[in-house]
Amino acid sequence: MVDASGLSEYDFTAFFAEIAALRATHASEGSRLVLLDQLELWGHELRSTL
């Protein structure tokens, strides 16, 4: 996964957008939101190392 450089089929913009969409879809499901929080955090941590 990379920023929009064309080197990956999936970039951070798409990753974070998908998390946001899933967060809206599952807004009333706390256990899923916790998982989405962790995935989002992982994405930000990964992005900061690249």
Protein backbone atom coordinates (compact mmCIF):
# COMPACT_ATOMS: atom_id res chain seq x y z
CA MET A 1 0.00 0.00 0.00
CA VAL A 2 1.36 3.41 -0.94
CA ASP A 3 0.15 6.94 -1.53
CA ALA A 4 -1.23 7.65 -4.98
CA SER A 5 1.96 6.83 -6.85
CA GLY A 6 0.59 4.14 -9.14
CA LEU A 7 2.84 1.50 -7.57
CA SER A 8 0.03 -0.29 -5.77
CA GLU A 9 -3.50 -1.35 -6.61
CA TYR A 10 -4.64 -0.09 -3.20
CA ASP A 11 -3.54 3.24 -1.77
CA PHE A 12 -3.96 4.96 1.58
CA THR A 13 -6.70 7.25 0.26
CA ALA A 14 -8.82 4.25 -0.71
CA PHE A 15 -7.96 2.45 2.54
CA PHE A 16 -9.05 5.34 4.76
CA ALA A 17 -12.16 5.97 2.62
CA GLU A 18 -13.20 2.35 2.98
CA ILE A 19 -12.73 2.51 6.75
CA ALA A 20 -14.88 5.66 6.87
CA ALA A 21 -17.61 3.96 4.84
CA LEU A 22 -17.52 0.89 7.06
CA ARG A 23 -17.61 3.09 10.15
CA ALA A 24 -20.82 4.73 8.85
CA THR A 25 -22.36 1.37 7.94
CA HIS A 26 -21.64 -0.14 11.35
CA ALA A 27 -22.08 2.97 13.52
CA SER A 28 -24.18 1.13 16.09
CA GLU A 29 -21.85 -1.89 16.40
CA GLY A 30 -19.23 -1.02 18.99
CA SER A 31 -17.10 -4.13 18.52
CA ARG A 32 -16.74 -3.44 14.80
CA LEU A 33 -15.89 0.20 15.45
CA VAL A 34 -13.08 -0.88 17.78
CA LEU A 35 -11.65 -3.04 15.00
CA LEU A 36 -11.98 -0.19 12.50
CA ASP A 37 -10.20 2.13 14.95
CA GLN A 38 -7.32 -0.32 15.16
CA LEU A 39 -7.14 -0.73 11.38
CA GLU A 40 -7.12 3.02 10.91
CA LEU A 41 -4.37 3.43 13.48
CA TRP A 42 -2.34 0.69 11.77
CA GLY A 43 -2.78 2.48 8.43
CA HIS A 44 -1.50 5.76 9.87
CA GLU A 45 1.45 4.02 11.51
CA LEU A 46 2.30 2.20 8.28
CA ARG A 47 2.01 5.41 6.26
CA SER A 48 4.39 7.21 8.62
CA THR A 49 7.09 4.58 8.05
CA LEU A 50 7.02 4.79 4.25
